[in-house]
Each structure stands twice: as structure tokens, then as C-alpha cells.
Amino acid sequence: MLTACDLEEAIRIANSVEYGLSSSIYTGNIKNAFKAIEKIDAGITYINASTIGAEIHLPFGGVKSTGNGTREAGTTAIEEFTELKTVYIDYSGKLQKAQIDIE
């Protein structure tokens, strides 16, 4: 655990490290909590809770040296692990003219 003199120093300390997977701040001041959320460069920020690990129902992933540009878990995992493909099937049994063909 690290202790800082004030919120600005705490944010500087948090952002000075090479990694940014998760962060945690304990405060009774909601304004400070939202400032930390905005300013700390981490994939997830806990307020008044320890960095207990990934929340399976929420997007999870780090930034800086712990980041790979994606978010795993939660609904964003569907996008991360899915490749979309568009398919068109014509069941008419007739040869269709291209849309640019004019009769």
C-alpha cells in the first residue's frame, strides 16, 4: 500500500508506473473519487475497495504495459472473440442480375 499527501500526488504516483491494469483509491469525498476515475490511467479503478481482480461481468483489460488494446469479459468480450461475416442467400433458384444491370 502506498500513502500520498494529497489526491494530486496519489494520481501522479499511480500514473508514474509502467503498468495500468487496475487501481484503487479510498476516499470519503465523492468529488475526489470522480477526479481519480477521470485522471488515473488504468483499465479499472476501484473506489473504496481493493483491486480484487477482474469482474467477469464487466469489460476488463489494462493500459500502458499491461494493455493489449482490448477488453475481455463482459459484453465486449463478444466483440473481441467474434469475427463478423455477412451472408446473403437467394432461394429463388433464378439467376439474379447485378443491381447495376439495366434492362
PDB file of N, CA and C in Angstrom:
ATOM      1  N   MET A   1       0.836  -1.161   0.000  1.00  0.00           N
ATOM      2  CA  MET A   1       0.000   0.000   0.000  1.00  0.00           C
ATOM      3  C   MET A   1       0.889   1.234   0.000  1.00  0.00           C
ATOM      4  N   LEU A   2       0.506   2.227  -0.775  1.00  0.00           N
ATOM      5  CA  LEU A   2       1.225   3.497  -0.815  1.00  0.00           C
ATOM      6  C   LEU A   2       0.348   4.586  -0.211  1.00  0.00           C
ATOM      7  N   THR A   3       0.997   5.541   0.432  1.00  0.00           N
ATOM      8  CA  THR A   3       0.282   6.676   1.006  1.00  0.00           C
ATOM      9  C   THR A   3       0.763   7.943   0.317  1.00  0.00           C
ATOM     10  N   ALA A   4      -0.145   8.855   0.043  1.00  0.00           N
ATOM     11  CA  ALA A   4       0.199  10.122  -0.601  1.00  0.00           C
ATOM     12  C   ALA A   4      -0.276  11.278   0.278  1.00  0.00           C
ATOM     13  N   CYS A   5       0.348  12.436   0.088  1.00  0.00           N
ATOM     14  CA  CYS A   5      -0.007  13.623   0.869  1.00  0.00           C
ATOM     15  C   CYS A   5      -1.359  14.197   0.456  1.00  0.00           C
ATOM     16  N   ASP A   6      -1.683  14.112  -0.826  1.00  0.00           N
ATOM     17  CA  ASP A   6      -2.958  14.627  -1.317  1.00  0.00           C
ATOM     18  C   ASP A   6      -3.357  13.870  -2.581  1.00  0.00           C
ATOM     19  N   LEU A   7      -4.519  14.193  -3.101  1.00  0.00           N
ATOM     20  CA  LEU A   7      -5.049  13.478  -4.259  1.00  0.00           C
ATOM     21  C   LEU A   7      -4.158  13.637  -5.490  1.00  0.00           C
ATOM     22  N   GLU A   8      -3.674  14.838  -5.719  1.00  0.00           N
ATOM     23  CA  GLU A   8      -2.824  15.067  -6.901  1.00  0.00           C
ATOM     24  C   GLU A   8      -1.570  14.206  -6.850  1.00  0.00           C
ATOM     25  N   GLU A   9      -0.965  14.087  -5.673  1.00  0.00           N
ATOM     26  CA  GLU A   9       0.222  13.235  -5.530  1.00  0.00           C
ATOM     27  C   GLU A   9      -0.144  11.768  -5.739  1.00  0.00           C
ATOM     28  N   ALA A  10      -1.288  11.357  -5.223  1.00  0.00           N
ATOM     29  CA  ALA A  10      -1.723   9.976  -5.401  1.00  0.00           C
ATOM     30  C   ALA A  10      -1.916   9.654  -6.888  1.00  0.00           C
ATOM     31  N   ILE A  11      -2.503  10.570  -7.616  1.00  0.00           N
ATOM     32  CA  ILE A  11      -2.705  10.365  -9.060  1.00  0.00           C
ATOM     33  C   ILE A  11      -1.364  10.336  -9.781  1.00  0.00           C
ATOM     34  N   ARG A  12      -0.443  11.203  -9.402  1.00  0.00           N
ATOM     35  CA  ARG A  12       0.903  11.197 -10.000  1.00  0.00           C
ATOM     36  C   ARG A  12       1.607   9.866  -9.749  1.00  0.00           C
ATOM     37  N   ILE A  13       1.524   9.378  -8.529  1.00  0.00           N
ATOM     38  CA  ILE A  13       2.147   8.088  -8.194  1.00  0.00           C
ATOM     39  C   ILE A  13       1.530   6.975  -9.028  1.00  0.00           C
ATOM     40  N   ALA A  14       0.213   6.939  -9.071  1.00  0.00           N
ATOM     41  CA  ALA A  14      -0.477   5.883  -9.825  1.00  0.00           C
ATOM     42  C   ALA A  14      -0.103   5.914 -11.301  1.00  0.00           C
ATOM     43  N   ASN A  15       0.000   7.091 -11.868  1.00  0.00           N
ATOM     44  CA  ASN A  15       0.292   7.209 -13.294  1.00  0.00           C
ATOM     45  C   ASN A  15       1.782   7.115 -13.621  1.00  0.00           C
ATOM     46  N   SER A  16       2.639   7.139 -12.611  1.00  0.00           N
ATOM     47  CA  SER A  16       4.090   7.103 -12.858  1.00  0.00           C
ATOM     48  C   SER A  16       4.616   5.704 -13.133  1.00  0.00           C
ATOM     49  N   VAL A  17       3.822   4.688 -12.849  1.00  0.00           N
ATOM     50  CA  VAL A  17       4.285   3.321 -13.051  1.00  0.00           C
ATOM     51  C   VAL A  17       4.059   2.887 -14.496  1.00  0.00           C
ATOM     52  N   GLU A  18       4.774   1.850 -14.888  1.00  0.00           N
ATOM     53  CA  GLU A  18       4.742   1.342 -16.260  1.00  0.00           C
ATOM     54  C   GLU A  18       3.433   0.619 -16.580  1.00  0.00           C
ATOM     55  N   TYR A  19       2.733   0.199 -15.549  1.00  0.00           N
ATOM     56  CA  TYR A  19       1.563  -0.650 -15.749  1.00  0.00           C
ATOM     57  C   TYR A  19       0.262   0.088 -15.452  1.00  0.00           C
ATOM     58  N   GLY A  20      -0.838  -0.462 -15.930  1.00  0.00           N
ATOM     59  CA  GLY A  20      -2.125   0.181 -15.710  1.00  0.00           C
ATOM     60  C   GLY A  20      -3.280  -0.791 -15.784  1.00  0.00           C
ATOM     61  N   LEU A  21      -3.161  -1.917 -15.123  1.00  0.00           N
ATOM     62  CA  LEU A  21      -4.242  -2.892 -15.149  1.00  0.00           C
ATOM     63  C   LEU A  21      -5.396  -2.434 -14.263  1.00  0.00           C
ATOM     64  N   SER A  22      -5.114  -2.183 -12.980  1.00  0.00           N
ATOM     65  CA  SER A  22      -6.172  -1.731 -12.089  1.00  0.00           C
ATOM     66  C   SER A  22      -5.602  -0.780 -11.042  1.00  0.00           C
ATOM     67  N   SER A  23      -6.496   0.006 -10.472  1.00  0.00           N
ATOM     68  CA  SER A  23      -6.100   0.961  -9.442  1.00  0.00           C
ATOM     69  C   SER A  23      -7.191   1.003  -8.389  1.00  0.00           C
ATOM     70  N   SER A  24      -6.844   1.562  -7.238  1.00  0.00           N
ATOM     71  CA  SER A  24      -7.792   1.653  -6.135  1.00  0.00           C
ATOM     72  C   SER A  24      -7.514   2.916  -5.341  1.00  0.00           C
ATOM     73  N   ILE A  25      -8.573   3.571  -4.927  1.00  0.00           N
ATOM     74  CA  ILE A  25      -8.437   4.750  -4.076  1.00  0.00           C
ATOM     75  C   ILE A  25      -9.507   4.695  -2.993  1.00  0.00           C
ATOM     76  N   TYR A  26      -9.109   5.043  -1.790  1.00  0.00           N
ATOM     77  CA  TYR A  26     -10.035   5.116  -0.670  1.00  0.00           C
ATOM     78  C   TYR A  26     -10.272   6.583  -0.331  1.00  0.00           C
ATOM     79  N   THR A  27     -11.516   7.010  -0.345  1.00  0.00           N
ATOM     80  CA  THR A  27     -11.860   8.396  -0.041  1.00  0.00           C
ATOM     81  C   THR A  27     -13.302   8.486   0.421  1.00  0.00           C
ATOM     82  N   GLY A  28     -13.570   9.477   1.246  1.00  0.00           N
ATOM     83  CA  GLY A  28     -14.937   9.765   1.668  1.00  0.00           C
ATOM     84  C   GLY A  28     -15.513  10.925   0.874  1.00  0.00           C
ATOM     85  N   ASN A  29     -14.719  11.434  -0.065  1.00  0.00           N
ATOM     86  CA  ASN A  29     -15.116  12.606  -0.833  1.00  0.00           C
ATOM     87  C   ASN A  29     -15.466  12.175  -2.259  1.00  0.00           C
ATOM     88  N   ILE A  30     -16.732  12.252  -2.617  1.00  0.00           N
ATOM     89  CA  ILE A  30     -17.174  11.788  -3.936  1.00  0.00           C
ATOM     90  C   ILE A  30     -16.539  12.599  -5.062  1.00  0.00           C
ATOM     91  N   LYS A  31     -16.270  13.879  -4.836  1.00  0.00           N
ATOM     92  CA  LYS A  31     -15.600  14.703  -5.854  1.00  0.00           C
ATOM     93  C   LYS A  31     -14.202  14.164  -6.139  1.00  0.00           C
ATOM     94  N   ASN A  32     -13.479  13.782  -5.086  1.00  0.00           N
ATOM     95  CA  ASN A  32     -12.150  13.190  -5.263  1.00  0.00           C
ATOM     96  C   ASN A  32     -12.240  11.843  -5.971  1.00  0.00           C
ATOM     97  N   ALA A  33     -13.275  11.077  -5.661  1.00  0.00           N
ATOM     98  CA  ALA A  33     -13.449   9.779  -6.314  1.00  0.00           C
ATOM     99  C   ALA A  33     -13.590   9.954  -7.823  1.00  0.00           C
ATOM    100  N   PHE A  34     -14.427  10.883  -8.241  1.00  0.00           N
ATOM    101  CA  PHE A  34     -14.625  11.085  -9.672  1.00  0.00           C
ATOM    102  C   PHE A  34     -13.404  11.710 -10.348  1.00  0.00           C
ATOM    103  N   LYS A  35     -12.658  12.526  -9.638  1.00  0.00           N
ATOM    104  CA  LYS A  35     -11.412  13.063 -10.187  1.00  0.00           C
ATOM    105  C   LYS A  35     -10.410  11.928 -10.406  1.00  0.00           C
ATOM    106  N   ALA A  36     -10.320  11.012  -9.452  1.00  0.00           N
ATOM    107  CA  ALA A  36      -9.422   9.853  -9.590  1.00  0.00           C
ATOM    108  C   ALA A  36      -9.850   8.983 -10.769  1.00  0.00           C
ATOM    109  N   ILE A  37     -11.149   8.729 -10.892  1.00  0.00           N
ATOM    110  CA  ILE A  37     -11.653   7.929 -12.014  1.00  0.00           C
ATOM    111  C   ILE A  37     -11.227   8.547 -13.336  1.00  0.00           C
ATOM    112  N   GLU A  38     -11.343   9.860 -13.433  1.00  0.00           N
ATOM    113  CA  GLU A  38     -11.005  10.560 -14.674  1.00  0.00           C
ATOM    114  C   GLU A  38      -9.506  10.592 -14.944  1.00  0.00           C
ATOM    115  N   LYS A  39      -8.712  10.796 -13.914  1.00  0.00           N
ATOM    116  CA  LYS A  39      -7.283  11.082 -14.100  1.00  0.00           C
ATOM    117  C   LYS A  39      -6.361   9.865 -14.018  1.00  0.00           C
ATOM    118  N   ILE A  40      -6.748   8.818 -13.299  1.00  0.00           N
ATOM    119  CA  ILE A  40      -5.862   7.658 -13.168  1.00  0.00           C
ATOM    120  C   ILE A  40      -5.900   6.845 -14.451  1.00  0.00           C
ATOM    121  N   ASP A  41      -4.740   6.548 -14.970  1.00  0.00           N
ATOM    122  CA  ASP A  41      -4.603   5.818 -16.229  1.00  0.00           C
ATOM    123  C   ASP A  41      -4.530   4.317 -15.944  1.00  0.00           C
ATOM    124  N   ALA A  42      -5.705   3.706 -15.815  1.00  0.00           N
ATOM    125  CA  ALA A  42      -5.792   2.269 -15.526  1.00  0.00           C
ATOM    126  C   ALA A  42      -7.036   1.709 -16.194  1.00  0.00           C
ATOM    127  N   GLY A  43      -7.019   0.429 -16.452  1.00  0.00           N
ATOM    128  CA  GLY A  43      -8.146  -0.227 -17.096  1.00  0.00           C
ATOM    129  C   GLY A  43      -9.384  -0.291 -16.222  1.00  0.00           C
ATOM    130  N   ILE A  44      -9.198  -0.350 -14.914  1.00  0.00           N
ATOM    131  CA  ILE A  44     -10.321  -0.346 -13.969  1.00  0.00           C
ATOM    132  C   ILE A  44      -9.869   0.386 -12.708  1.00  0.00           C
ATOM    133  N   THR A  45     -10.761   1.179 -12.153  1.00  0.00           N
ATOM    134  CA  THR A  45     -10.470   1.883 -10.906  1.00  0.00           C
ATOM    135  C   THR A  45     -11.532   1.530  -9.883  1.00  0.00           C
ATOM    136  N   TYR A  46     -11.094   1.038  -8.743  1.00  0.00           N
ATOM    137  CA  TYR A  46     -11.982   0.721  -7.633  1.00  0.00           C
ATOM    138  C   TYR A  46     -12.022   1.915  -6.688  1.00  0.00           C
ATOM    139  N   ILE A  47     -13.193   2.256  -6.212  1.00  0.00           N
ATOM    140  CA  ILE A  47     -13.352   3.304  -5.211  1.00  0.00           C
ATOM    141  C   ILE A  47     -13.758   2.628  -3.901  1.00  0.00           C
ATOM    142  N   ASN A  48     -12.952   2.851  -2.873  1.00  0.00           N
ATOM    143  CA  ASN A  48     -13.189   2.283  -1.538  1.00  0.00           C
ATOM    144  C   ASN A  48     -13.261   0.755  -1.552  1.00  0.00           C
ATOM    145  N   ALA A  49     -12.476   0.147  -2.412  1.00  0.00           N
ATOM    146  CA  ALA A  49     -12.367  -1.313  -2.489  1.00  0.00           C
ATOM    147  C   ALA A  49     -10.980  -1.647  -3.017  1.00  0.00           C
ATOM    148  N   SER A  50     -10.483  -2.815  -2.636  1.00  0.00           N
ATOM    149  CA  SER A  50      -9.156  -3.211  -3.112  1.00  0.00           C
ATOM    150  C   SER A  50      -9.231  -3.683  -4.561  1.00  0.00           C
ATOM    151  N   THR A  51      -8.083  -3.764  -5.199  1.00  0.00           N
ATOM    152  CA  THR A  51      -8.014  -4.256  -6.581  1.00  0.00           C
ATOM    153  C   THR A  51      -8.083  -5.772  -6.537  1.00  0.00           C
ATOM    154  N   ILE A  52      -9.294  -6.262  -6.465  1.00  0.00           N
ATOM    155  CA  ILE A  52      -9.518  -7.686  -6.228  1.00  0.00           C
ATOM    156  C   ILE A  52      -9.422  -8.542  -7.475  1.00  0.00           C
ATOM    157  N   GLY A  53      -9.325  -7.923  -8.631  1.00  0.00           N
ATOM    158  CA  GLY A  53      -9.211  -8.699  -9.857  1.00  0.00           C
ATOM    159  C   GLY A  53     -10.339  -8.403 -10.818  1.00  0.00           C
ATOM    160  N   ALA A  54     -10.359  -9.119 -11.900  1.00  0.00           N
ATOM    161  CA  ALA A  54     -11.338  -8.873 -12.950  1.00  0.00           C
ATOM    162  C   ALA A  54     -12.756  -9.158 -12.470  1.00  0.00           C
ATOM    163  N   GLU A  55     -13.659  -8.347 -12.896  1.00  0.00           N
ATOM    164  CA  GLU A  55     -15.079  -8.567 -12.663  1.00  0.00           C
ATOM    165  C   GLU A  55     -15.611  -9.189 -13.950  1.00  0.00           C
ATOM    166  N   ILE A  56     -15.982 -10.444 -13.902  1.00  0.00           N
ATOM    167  CA  ILE A  56     -16.321 -11.197 -15.103  1.00  0.00           C
ATOM    168  C   ILE A  56     -17.450 -10.569 -15.903  1.00  0.00           C
ATOM    169  N   HIS A  57     -18.326  -9.833 -15.254  1.00  0.00           N
ATOM    170  CA  HIS A  57     -19.462  -9.222 -15.939  1.00  0.00           C
ATOM    171  C   HIS A  57     -19.136  -7.853 -16.529  1.00  0.00           C
ATOM    172  N   LEU A  58     -17.909  -7.357 -16.299  1.00  0.00           N
ATOM    173  CA  LEU A  58     -17.510  -6.041 -16.796  1.00  0.00           C
ATOM    174  C   LEU A  58     -16.350  -6.171 -17.774  1.00  0.00           C
ATOM    175  N   PRO A  59     -16.257  -5.246 -18.732  1.00  0.00           N
ATOM    176  CA  PRO A  59     -15.079  -5.244 -19.614  1.00  0.00           C
ATOM    177  C   PRO A  59     -13.818  -5.108 -18.768  1.00  0.00           C
ATOM    178  N   PHE A  60     -12.788  -5.886 -19.073  1.00  0.00           N
ATOM    179  CA  PHE A  60     -11.574  -5.874 -18.262  1.00  0.00           C
ATOM    180  C   PHE A  60     -10.354  -5.913 -19.159  1.00  0.00           C
ATOM    181  N   GLY A  61      -9.413  -5.046 -18.881  1.00  0.00           N
ATOM    182  CA  GLY A  61      -8.154  -5.020 -19.606  1.00  0.00           C
ATOM    183  C   GLY A  61      -7.348  -3.826 -19.160  1.00  0.00           C
ATOM    184  N   GLY A  62      -6.059  -3.906 -19.315  1.00  0.00           N
ATOM    185  CA  GLY A  62      -5.184  -2.850 -18.832  1.00  0.00           C
ATOM    186  C   GLY A  62      -4.808  -1.854 -19.904  1.00  0.00           C
ATOM    187  N   VAL A  63      -4.023  -0.890 -19.475  1.00  0.00           N
ATOM    188  CA  VAL A  63      -3.453   0.116 -20.357  1.00  0.00           C
ATOM    189  C   VAL A  63      -1.951   0.139 -20.121  1.00  0.00           C
ATOM    190  N   LYS A  64      -1.263   0.930 -20.891  1.00  0.00           N
ATOM    191  CA  LYS A  64       0.203   1.025 -20.829  1.00  0.00           C
ATOM    192  C   LYS A  64       0.800  -0.367 -21.056  1.00  0.00           C
ATOM    193  N   SER A  65       1.750  -0.809 -20.245  1.00  0.00           N
ATOM    194  CA  SER A  65       2.430  -2.090 -20.479  1.00  0.00           C
ATOM    195  C   SER A  65       1.585  -3.311 -20.123  1.00  0.00           C
ATOM    196  N   THR A  66       0.430  -3.116 -19.534  1.00  0.00           N
ATOM    197  CA  THR A  66      -0.458  -4.250 -19.266  1.00  0.00           C
ATOM    198  C   THR A  66      -1.606  -4.306 -20.261  1.00  0.00           C
ATOM    199  N   GLY A  67      -1.592  -3.417 -21.205  1.00  0.00           N
ATOM    200  CA  GLY A  67      -2.693  -3.385 -22.161  1.00  0.00           C
ATOM    201  C   GLY A  67      -2.339  -4.033 -23.480  1.00  0.00           C
ATOM    202  N   ASN A  68      -3.332  -4.610 -24.122  1.00  0.00           N
ATOM    203  CA  ASN A  68      -3.138  -5.130 -25.473  1.00  0.00           C
ATOM    204  C   ASN A  68      -4.163  -4.525 -26.428  1.00  0.00           C
ATOM    205  N   GLY A  69      -4.816  -3.453 -25.973  1.00  0.00           N
ATOM    206  CA  GLY A  69      -5.761  -2.752 -26.827  1.00  0.00           C
ATOM    207  C   GLY A  69      -7.166  -3.316 -26.824  1.00  0.00           C
ATOM    208  N   THR A  70      -7.417  -4.324 -26.008  1.00  0.00           N
ATOM    209  CA  THR A  70      -8.738  -4.935 -25.998  1.00  0.00           C
ATOM    210  C   THR A  70      -9.282  -4.983 -24.585  1.00  0.00           C
ATOM    211  N   ARG A  71     -10.557  -5.314 -24.499  1.00  0.00           N
ATOM    212  CA  ARG A  71     -11.210  -5.533 -23.215  1.00  0.00           C
ATOM    213  C   ARG A  71     -11.848  -6.909 -23.252  1.00  0.00           C
ATOM    214  N   GLU A  72     -11.468  -7.736 -22.311  1.00  0.00           N
ATOM    215  CA  GLU A  72     -12.038  -9.076 -22.205  1.00  0.00           C
ATOM    216  C   GLU A  72     -13.075  -9.070 -21.091  1.00  0.00           C
ATOM    217  N   ALA A  73     -13.966 -10.005 -21.136  1.00  0.00           N
ATOM    218  CA  ALA A  73     -15.060 -10.180 -20.170  1.00  0.00           C
ATOM    219  C   ALA A  73     -16.197  -9.220 -20.511  1.00  0.00           C
ATOM    220  N   GLY A  74     -17.312  -9.429 -19.861  1.00  0.00           N
ATOM    221  CA  GLY A  74     -18.479  -8.613 -20.136  1.00  0.00           C
ATOM    222  C   GLY A  74     -18.940  -8.758 -21.578  1.00  0.00           C
ATOM    223  N   THR A  75     -19.824  -7.886 -21.988  1.00  0.00           N
ATOM    224  CA  THR A  75     -20.357  -7.972 -23.351  1.00  0.00           C
ATOM    225  C   THR A  75     -19.330  -7.608 -24.414  1.00  0.00           C
ATOM    226  N   THR A  76     -18.292  -6.835 -24.051  1.00  0.00           N
ATOM    227  CA  THR A  76     -17.272  -6.508 -25.040  1.00  0.00           C
ATOM    228  C   THR A  76     -16.450  -7.723 -25.441  1.00  0.00           C
ATOM    229  N   ALA A  77     -16.454  -8.760 -24.632  1.00  0.00           N
ATOM    230  CA  ALA A  77     -15.741  -9.991 -24.988  1.00  0.00           C
ATOM    231  C   ALA A  77     -16.333 -10.613 -26.241  1.00  0.00           C
ATOM    232  N   ILE A  78     -17.632 -10.440 -26.441  1.00  0.00           N
ATOM    233  CA  ILE A  78     -18.265 -10.966 -27.647  1.00  0.00           C
ATOM    234  C   ILE A  78     -17.613 -10.356 -28.881  1.00  0.00           C
ATOM    235  N   GLU A  79     -17.411  -9.048 -28.856  1.00  0.00           N
ATOM    236  CA  GLU A  79     -16.760  -8.385 -29.985  1.00  0.00           C
ATOM    237  C   GLU A  79     -15.304  -8.812 -30.125  1.00  0.00           C
ATOM    238  N   GLU A  80     -14.629  -8.973 -29.003  1.00  0.00           N
ATOM    239  CA  GLU A  80     -13.206  -9.332 -29.029  1.00  0.00           C
ATOM    240  C   GLU A  80     -12.970 -10.707 -29.623  1.00  0.00           C
ATOM    241  N   PHE A  81     -13.845 -11.646 -29.341  1.00  0.00           N
ATOM    242  CA  PHE A  81     -13.622 -13.022 -29.753  1.00  0.00           C
ATOM    243  C   PHE A  81     -14.536 -13.463 -30.889  1.00  0.00           C
ATOM    244  N   THR A  82     -15.115 -12.504 -31.602  1.00  0.00           N
ATOM    245  CA  THR A  82     -16.032 -12.812 -32.688  1.00  0.00           C
ATOM    246  C   THR A  82     -15.576 -12.126 -33.967  1.00  0.00           C
ATOM    247  N   GLU A  83     -15.681 -12.823 -35.065  1.00  0.00           N
ATOM    248  CA  GLU A  83     -15.430 -12.218 -36.366  1.00  0.00           C
ATOM    249  C   GLU A  83     -16.746 -12.239 -37.129  1.00  0.00           C
ATOM    250  N   LEU A  84     -17.200 -11.050 -37.532  1.00  0.00           N
ATOM    251  CA  LEU A  84     -18.471 -10.950 -38.233  1.00  0.00           C
ATOM    252  C   LEU A  84     -18.308 -11.317 -39.701  1.00  0.00           C
ATOM    253  N   LYS A  85     -19.325 -11.942 -40.245  1.00  0.00           N
ATOM    254  CA  LYS A  85     -19.341 -12.277 -41.664  1.00  0.00           C
ATOM    255  C   LYS A  85     -20.771 -12.089 -42.154  1.00  0.00           C
ATOM    256  N   THR A  86     -20.935 -11.346 -43.232  1.00  0.00           N
ATOM    257  CA  THR A  86     -22.250 -11.123 -43.813  1.00  0.00           C
ATOM    258  C   THR A  86     -22.514 -12.181 -44.870  1.00  0.00           C
ATOM    259  N   VAL A  87     -23.716 -12.741 -44.852  1.00  0.00           N
ATOM    260  CA  VAL A  87     -24.093 -13.796 -45.801  1.00  0.00           C
ATOM    261  C   VAL A  87     -25.426 -13.428 -46.435  1.00  0.00           C
ATOM    262  N   TYR A  88     -25.537 -13.603 -47.734  1.00  0.00           N
ATOM    263  CA  TYR A  88     -26.792 -13.402 -48.456  1.00  0.00           C
ATOM    264  C   TYR A  88     -27.116 -14.700 -49.190  1.00  0.00           C
ATOM    265  N   ILE A  89     -28.316 -15.227 -48.999  1.00  0.00           N
ATOM    266  CA  ILE A  89     -28.736 -16.456 -49.664  1.00  0.00           C
ATOM    267  C   ILE A  89     -30.009 -16.157 -50.451  1.00  0.00           C
ATOM    268  N   ASP A  90     -29.985 -16.475 -51.729  1.00  0.00           N
ATOM    269  CA  ASP A  90     -31.159 -16.316 -52.596  1.00  0.00           C
ATOM    270  C   ASP A  90     -31.734 -17.701 -52.843  1.00  0.00           C
ATOM    271  N   TYR A  91     -32.940 -17.944 -52.360  1.00  0.00           N
ATOM    272  CA  TYR A  91     -33.599 -19.240 -52.509  1.00  0.00           C
ATOM    273  C   TYR A  91     -34.518 -19.308 -53.731  1.00  0.00           C
ATOM    274  N   SER A  92     -34.496 -18.293 -54.596  1.00  0.00           N
ATOM    275  CA  SER A  92     -35.441 -18.256 -55.709  1.00  0.00           C
ATOM    276  C   SER A  92     -35.119 -19.284 -56.793  1.00  0.00           C
ATOM    277  N   GLY A  93     -33.892 -19.727 -56.876  1.00  0.00           N
ATOM    278  CA  GLY A  93     -33.490 -20.657 -57.925  1.00  0.00           C
ATOM    279  C   GLY A  93     -33.281 -19.984 -59.263  1.00  0.00           C
ATOM    280  N   LYS A  94     -33.372 -18.668 -59.333  1.00  0.00           N
ATOM    281  CA  LYS A  94     -33.169 -17.918 -60.571  1.00  0.00           C
ATOM    282  C   LYS A  94     -31.853 -17.165 -60.501  1.00  0.00           C
ATOM    283  N   LEU A  95     -31.217 -17.011 -61.658  1.00  0.00           N
ATOM    284  CA  LEU A  95     -30.021 -16.212 -61.743  1.00  0.00           C
ATOM    285  C   LEU A  95     -30.400 -14.745 -61.608  1.00  0.00           C
ATOM    286  N   GLN A  96     -29.823 -14.053 -60.673  1.00  0.00           N
ATOM    287  CA  GLN A  96     -30.176 -12.662 -60.431  1.00  0.00           C
ATOM    288  C   GLN A  96     -29.201 -11.761 -61.175  1.00  0.00           C
ATOM    289  N   LYS A  97     -29.734 -10.702 -61.751  1.00  0.00           N
ATOM    290  CA  LYS A  97     -28.893  -9.697 -62.416  1.00  0.00           C
ATOM    291  C   LYS A  97     -28.280  -8.806 -61.342  1.00  0.00           C
ATOM    292  N   ALA A  98     -27.126  -8.280 -61.665  1.00  0.00           N
ATOM    293  CA  ALA A  98     -26.482  -7.345 -60.743  1.00  0.00           C
ATOM    294  C   ALA A  98     -27.344  -6.101 -60.638  1.00  0.00           C
ATOM    295  N   GLN A  99     -27.256  -5.433 -59.530  1.00  0.00           N
ATOM    296  CA  GLN A  99     -28.065  -4.235 -59.297  1.00  0.00           C
ATOM    297  C   GLN A  99     -27.767  -3.142 -60.308  1.00  0.00           C
ATOM    298  N   ILE A 100     -26.572  -3.155 -60.877  1.00  0.00           N
ATOM    299  CA  ILE A 100     -26.244  -2.101 -61.838  1.00  0.00           C
ATOM    300  C   ILE A 100     -26.691  -2.420 -63.259  1.00  0.00           C
ATOM    301  N   ASP A 101     -27.152  -3.659 -63.513  1.00  0.00           N
ATOM    302  CA  ASP A 101     -27.644  -4.026 -64.835  1.00  0.00           C
ATOM    303  C   ASP A 101     -28.975  -3.347 -65.080  1.00  0.00           C
ATOM    304  N   ILE A 102     -29.154  -2.794 -66.282  1.00  0.00           N
ATOM    305  CA  ILE A 102     -30.409  -2.152 -66.650  1.00  0.00           C
ATOM    306  C   ILE A 102     -31.018  -2.945 -67.792  1.00  0.00           C
ATOM    307  N   GLU A 103     -32.306  -3.211 -67.708  1.00  0.00           N
ATOM    308  CA  GLU A 103     -32.968  -3.979 -68.771  1.00  0.00           C
ATOM    309  C   GLU A 103     -33.360  -3.089 -69.909  1.00  0.00           C
TER     310      GLU A 103
END
